[in-house]
Amino acid sequence: MLQAVFHLAEELNEGTSLKDLPDSDLEHLRGDIERAYRMLIIEWVEYMQYEFITHFK
């Protein structure tokens, strides 16, 4: 998960304006964003399950 987030951060910090990127690069970024969000959501759900089990049962 961290690898996906760091990869996305590197891509966004290249210094090129998003409006100047070709469609192929924007599509690549879209895939990177979706992958990072998907992994973050999975981590968050697993953490919430852990919190529920440890604090409310």
C-alpha atoms as a PDB file:
ATOM      1  CA  MET A   1       0.000   0.000   0.000  1.00  0.00           C
ATOM      2  CA  LEU A   2       2.743   2.450   0.888  1.00  0.00           C
ATOM      3  CA  GLN A   3       4.535   1.683  -2.348  1.00  0.00           C
ATOM      4  CA  ALA A   4       1.428   2.685  -4.322  1.00  0.00           C
ATOM      5  CA  VAL A   5       1.056   5.924  -2.338  1.00  0.00           C
ATOM      6  CA  PHE A   6       4.739   6.838  -2.673  1.00  0.00           C
ATOM      7  CA  HIS A   7       4.677   6.055  -6.400  1.00  0.00           C
ATOM      8  CA  LEU A   8       1.694   8.366  -6.833  1.00  0.00           C
ATOM      9  CA  ALA A   9       3.441  11.101  -4.821  1.00  0.00           C
ATOM     10  CA  GLU A  10       6.521  10.808  -7.026  1.00  0.00           C
ATOM     11  CA  GLU A  11       4.407  11.036 -10.162  1.00  0.00           C
ATOM     12  CA  LEU A  12       2.592  14.133  -8.897  1.00  0.00           C
ATOM     13  CA  ASN A  13       5.805  15.830  -7.731  1.00  0.00           C
ATOM     14  CA  GLU A  14       7.519  15.703 -11.110  1.00  0.00           C
ATOM     15  CA  GLY A  15       6.746  19.386 -11.551  1.00  0.00           C
ATOM     16  CA  THR A  16       4.732  19.168 -14.750  1.00  0.00           C
ATOM     17  CA  SER A  17       1.346  20.829 -14.676  1.00  0.00           C
ATOM     18  CA  LEU A  18      -1.519  18.378 -14.995  1.00  0.00           C
ATOM     19  CA  LYS A  19      -3.088  20.513 -17.699  1.00  0.00           C
ATOM     20  CA  ASP A  20       0.055  20.088 -19.842  1.00  0.00           C
ATOM     21  CA  LEU A  21       0.129  16.288 -19.647  1.00  0.00           C
ATOM     22  CA  PRO A  22      -0.918  14.149 -22.594  1.00  0.00           C
ATOM     23  CA  ASP A  23      -3.989  11.963 -22.230  1.00  0.00           C
ATOM     24  CA  SER A  24      -1.845   8.828 -21.875  1.00  0.00           C
ATOM     25  CA  ASP A  25      -0.062  10.291 -18.818  1.00  0.00           C
ATOM     26  CA  LEU A  26      -3.357  11.420 -17.306  1.00  0.00           C
ATOM     27  CA  GLU A  27      -4.742   7.911 -17.760  1.00  0.00           C
ATOM     28  CA  HIS A  28      -1.632   6.502 -16.062  1.00  0.00           C
ATOM     29  CA  LEU A  29      -2.130   8.886 -13.122  1.00  0.00           C
ATOM     30  CA  ARG A  30      -5.790   7.916 -12.945  1.00  0.00           C
ATOM     31  CA  GLY A  31      -4.781   4.273 -12.570  1.00  0.00           C
ATOM     32  CA  ASP A  32      -2.214   5.173  -9.899  1.00  0.00           C
ATOM     33  CA  ILE A  33      -4.812   7.179  -7.949  1.00  0.00           C
ATOM     34  CA  GLU A  34      -7.379   4.381  -8.133  1.00  0.00           C
ATOM     35  CA  ARG A  35      -4.817   1.797  -6.988  1.00  0.00           C
ATOM     36  CA  ALA A  36      -3.694   3.945  -4.033  1.00  0.00           C
ATOM     37  CA  TYR A  37      -7.269   4.728  -2.928  1.00  0.00           C
ATOM     38  CA  ARG A  38      -8.309   1.091  -3.247  1.00  0.00           C
ATOM     39  CA  MET A  39      -5.415   0.004  -1.030  1.00  0.00           C
ATOM     40  CA  LEU A  40      -6.041   2.786   1.488  1.00  0.00           C
ATOM     41  CA  ILE A  41      -9.705   1.834   1.751  1.00  0.00           C
ATOM     42  CA  ILE A  42      -8.807  -1.804   2.368  1.00  0.00           C
ATOM     43  CA  GLU A  43      -6.375  -0.786   5.120  1.00  0.00           C
ATOM     44  CA  TRP A  44      -8.957   1.513   6.707  1.00  0.00           C
ATOM     45  CA  VAL A  45     -11.675  -1.173   6.703  1.00  0.00           C
ATOM     46  CA  GLU A  46      -9.295  -3.720   8.237  1.00  0.00           C
ATOM     47  CA  TYR A  47      -8.314  -1.194  10.912  1.00  0.00           C
ATOM     48  CA  MET A  48     -11.962  -0.434  11.703  1.00  0.00           C
ATOM     49  CA  GLN A  49     -12.658  -4.173  12.016  1.00  0.00           C
ATOM     50  CA  TYR A  50      -9.718  -4.494  14.409  1.00  0.00           C
ATOM     51  CA  GLU A  51     -10.928  -1.521  16.467  1.00  0.00           C
ATOM     52  CA  PHE A  52     -14.437  -2.929  16.657  1.00  0.00           C
ATOM     53  CA  ILE A  53     -13.212  -6.361  17.742  1.00  0.00           C
ATOM     54  CA  THR A  54     -10.784  -5.045  20.342  1.00  0.00           C
ATOM     55  CA  HIS A  55     -12.960  -2.312  21.843  1.00  0.00           C
ATOM     56  CA  PHE A  56     -16.582  -3.285  21.422  1.00  0.00           C
ATOM     57  CA  LYS A  57     -16.780  -7.046  21.843  1.00  0.00           C
END
